[in-house]
Amino acid sequence: MALVAGEAGVRYRPRWQDRRFEDYDTVIAAAEAGLGVALLRMPPAGAWTERGRLARIGNRAEANPAAHYLCTRAQEQRGVVIALSERLIAAAEAFRQG
């Protein structure tokens, strides 16, 4: 679900001078430097908010429609790779269930 500015009661019209960054670390650095606001993911951005380097604006959160996939080479047979994959999948499932 994407956050639309109008849904938050904000009128937004992009301008040519608006700063936009594609790299996540650059987005965080720009917000920390006071160049504007950043749309960040929690919990990864939590370290910055916990240390007081960034401040969260409001409590609204939106679901992330992007999916992540665990990939290995086709026909993977190495036991350590399979075991690690299974642990990562289990950890993601536990996190998802809260």
C-alpha atoms as a PDB file:
ATOM      1  CA  MET A   1       0.000   0.000   0.000  1.00  0.00           C
ATOM      2  CA  ALA A   2       1.619   3.239  -1.075  1.00  0.00           C
ATOM      3  CA  LEU A   3       1.204   6.360   0.970  1.00  0.00           C
ATOM      4  CA  VAL A   4      -0.392   9.084  -1.102  1.00  0.00           C
ATOM      5  CA  ALA A   5       0.252  12.603   0.154  1.00  0.00           C
ATOM      6  CA  GLY A   6      -3.441  13.462  -0.097  1.00  0.00           C
ATOM      7  CA  GLU A   7      -4.356  10.570   2.210  1.00  0.00           C
ATOM      8  CA  ALA A   8      -2.196  12.134   4.910  1.00  0.00           C
ATOM      9  CA  GLY A   9      -3.816  15.532   4.401  1.00  0.00           C
ATOM     10  CA  VAL A  10      -0.743  16.952   2.677  1.00  0.00           C
ATOM     11  CA  ARG A  11      -0.790  18.815  -0.618  1.00  0.00           C
ATOM     12  CA  TYR A  12       2.267  17.775  -2.607  1.00  0.00           C
ATOM     13  CA  ARG A  13       3.427  18.786  -6.037  1.00  0.00           C
ATOM     14  CA  PRO A  14       6.924  17.647  -7.117  1.00  0.00           C
ATOM     15  CA  ARG A  15       9.276  20.463  -8.079  1.00  0.00           C
ATOM     16  CA  TRP A  16      12.407  20.355 -10.189  1.00  0.00           C
ATOM     17  CA  GLN A  17      14.587  21.376  -7.239  1.00  0.00           C
ATOM     18  CA  ASP A  18      13.332  18.599  -4.934  1.00  0.00           C
ATOM     19  CA  ARG A  19      16.099  16.288  -3.766  1.00  0.00           C
ATOM     20  CA  ARG A  20      15.586  12.595  -4.486  1.00  0.00           C
ATOM     21  CA  PHE A  21      18.021   9.824  -3.647  1.00  0.00           C
ATOM     22  CA  GLU A  22      17.957   6.209  -4.787  1.00  0.00           C
ATOM     23  CA  ASP A  23      20.527   4.888  -2.289  1.00  0.00           C
ATOM     24  CA  TYR A  24      19.119   4.108   1.191  1.00  0.00           C
ATOM     25  CA  ASP A  25      22.260   5.195   3.037  1.00  0.00           C
ATOM     26  CA  THR A  26      22.243   8.500   1.144  1.00  0.00           C
ATOM     27  CA  VAL A  27      18.592   9.051   2.107  1.00  0.00           C
ATOM     28  CA  ILE A  28      19.431   8.535   5.777  1.00  0.00           C
ATOM     29  CA  ALA A  29      22.509  10.783   5.572  1.00  0.00           C
ATOM     30  CA  ALA A  30      20.510  13.522   3.835  1.00  0.00           C
ATOM     31  CA  ALA A  31      17.772  13.448   6.484  1.00  0.00           C
ATOM     32  CA  GLU A  32      20.371  13.440   9.247  1.00  0.00           C
ATOM     33  CA  ALA A  33      22.061  16.455   7.624  1.00  0.00           C
ATOM     34  CA  GLY A  34      18.756  18.338   7.693  1.00  0.00           C
ATOM     35  CA  LEU A  35      18.062  18.288   3.953  1.00  0.00           C
ATOM     36  CA  GLY A  36      14.446  17.227   4.409  1.00  0.00           C
ATOM     37  CA  VAL A  37      12.364  14.246   5.431  1.00  0.00           C
ATOM     38  CA  ALA A  38      12.952  10.616   4.542  1.00  0.00           C
ATOM     39  CA  LEU A  39      10.573   7.722   4.057  1.00  0.00           C
ATOM     40  CA  LEU A  40      12.386   4.931   5.902  1.00  0.00           C
ATOM     41  CA  ARG A  41      11.823   1.313   6.811  1.00  0.00           C
ATOM     42  CA  MET A  42      11.570   0.146  10.390  1.00  0.00           C
ATOM     43  CA  PRO A  43      13.303  -1.589  12.057  1.00  0.00           C
ATOM     44  CA  PRO A  44      16.414  -0.780   9.935  1.00  0.00           C
ATOM     45  CA  ALA A  45      16.067   2.952  10.665  1.00  0.00           C
ATOM     46  CA  GLY A  46      15.457   2.231  14.344  1.00  0.00           C
ATOM     47  CA  ALA A  47      19.133   2.548  15.220  1.00  0.00           C
ATOM     48  CA  TRP A  48      19.138   6.167  14.048  1.00  0.00           C
ATOM     49  CA  THR A  49      15.972   7.041  15.955  1.00  0.00           C
ATOM     50  CA  GLU A  50      17.136   5.248  19.110  1.00  0.00           C
ATOM     51  CA  ARG A  51      20.405   7.224  19.110  1.00  0.00           C
ATOM     52  CA  GLY A  52      18.505  10.456  18.518  1.00  0.00           C
ATOM     53  CA  ARG A  53      20.101  11.079  15.127  1.00  0.00           C
ATOM     54  CA  LEU A  54      16.702  11.021  13.388  1.00  0.00           C
ATOM     55  CA  ALA A  55      13.221  11.651  14.759  1.00  0.00           C
ATOM     56  CA  ARG A  56      10.117   9.841  13.642  1.00  0.00           C
ATOM     57  CA  ILE A  57       7.313  12.124  12.449  1.00  0.00           C
ATOM     58  CA  GLY A  58       4.022  10.734  13.713  1.00  0.00           C
ATOM     59  CA  ASN A  59       3.112   7.096  14.228  1.00  0.00           C
ATOM     60  CA  ARG A  60       1.688   6.253  10.828  1.00  0.00           C
ATOM     61  CA  ALA A  61       3.155   3.202   9.123  1.00  0.00           C
ATOM     62  CA  GLU A  62       2.366   1.656   5.753  1.00  0.00           C
ATOM     63  CA  ALA A  63       2.746  -1.908   4.571  1.00  0.00           C
ATOM     64  CA  ASN A  64       5.633  -2.471   2.168  1.00  0.00           C
ATOM     65  CA  PRO A  65       4.390  -4.036  -1.070  1.00  0.00           C
ATOM     66  CA  ALA A  66       7.927  -5.059  -2.073  1.00  0.00           C
ATOM     67  CA  ALA A  67       8.756  -8.695  -1.554  1.00  0.00           C
ATOM     68  CA  HIS A  68      12.149 -10.225  -0.848  1.00  0.00           C
ATOM     69  CA  TYR A  69      13.232 -13.627  -2.035  1.00  0.00           C
ATOM     70  CA  LEU A  70      15.928 -15.951  -0.765  1.00  0.00           C
ATOM     71  CA  CYS A  71      17.798 -17.321  -3.762  1.00  0.00           C
ATOM     72  CA  THR A  72      20.471 -19.932  -4.284  1.00  0.00           C
ATOM     73  CA  ARG A  73      21.832 -21.554  -7.385  1.00  0.00           C
ATOM     74  CA  ALA A  74      19.538 -24.026  -9.105  1.00  0.00           C
ATOM     75  CA  GLN A  75      19.745 -27.564  -7.752  1.00  0.00           C
ATOM     76  CA  GLU A  76      21.693 -26.501  -4.626  1.00  0.00           C
ATOM     77  CA  GLN A  77      22.903 -29.597  -2.750  1.00  0.00           C
ATOM     78  CA  ARG A  78      25.324 -28.245  -0.118  1.00  0.00           C
ATOM     79  CA  GLY A  79      23.996 -29.006   3.343  1.00  0.00           C
ATOM     80  CA  VAL A  80      25.290 -25.796   4.917  1.00  0.00           C
ATOM     81  CA  VAL A  81      23.530 -23.668   2.291  1.00  0.00           C
ATOM     82  CA  ILE A  82      20.286 -25.586   2.687  1.00  0.00           C
ATOM     83  CA  ALA A  83      20.491 -25.370   6.505  1.00  0.00           C
ATOM     84  CA  LEU A  84      21.165 -21.620   6.410  1.00  0.00           C
ATOM     85  CA  SER A  85      18.274 -21.133   3.981  1.00  0.00           C
ATOM     86  CA  GLU A  86      15.924 -23.019   6.276  1.00  0.00           C
ATOM     87  CA  ARG A  87      17.041 -20.937   9.292  1.00  0.00           C
ATOM     88  CA  LEU A  88      16.537 -17.669   7.412  1.00  0.00           C
ATOM     89  CA  ILE A  89      13.073 -18.708   6.254  1.00  0.00           C
ATOM     90  CA  ALA A  90      12.124 -19.750   9.807  1.00  0.00           C
ATOM     91  CA  ALA A  91      13.411 -16.456  11.237  1.00  0.00           C
ATOM     92  CA  ALA A  92      11.467 -14.440   8.648  1.00  0.00           C
ATOM     93  CA  GLU A  93       8.301 -16.391   9.408  1.00  0.00           C
ATOM     94  CA  ALA A  94       8.731 -15.868  13.156  1.00  0.00           C
ATOM     95  CA  PHE A  95       9.270 -12.136  12.598  1.00  0.00           C
ATOM     96  CA  ARG A  96       6.208 -11.918  10.362  1.00  0.00           C
ATOM     97  CA  GLN A  97       4.008 -13.588  12.979  1.00  0.00           C
ATOM     98  CA  GLY A  98       5.232 -11.130  15.613  1.00  0.00           C
END
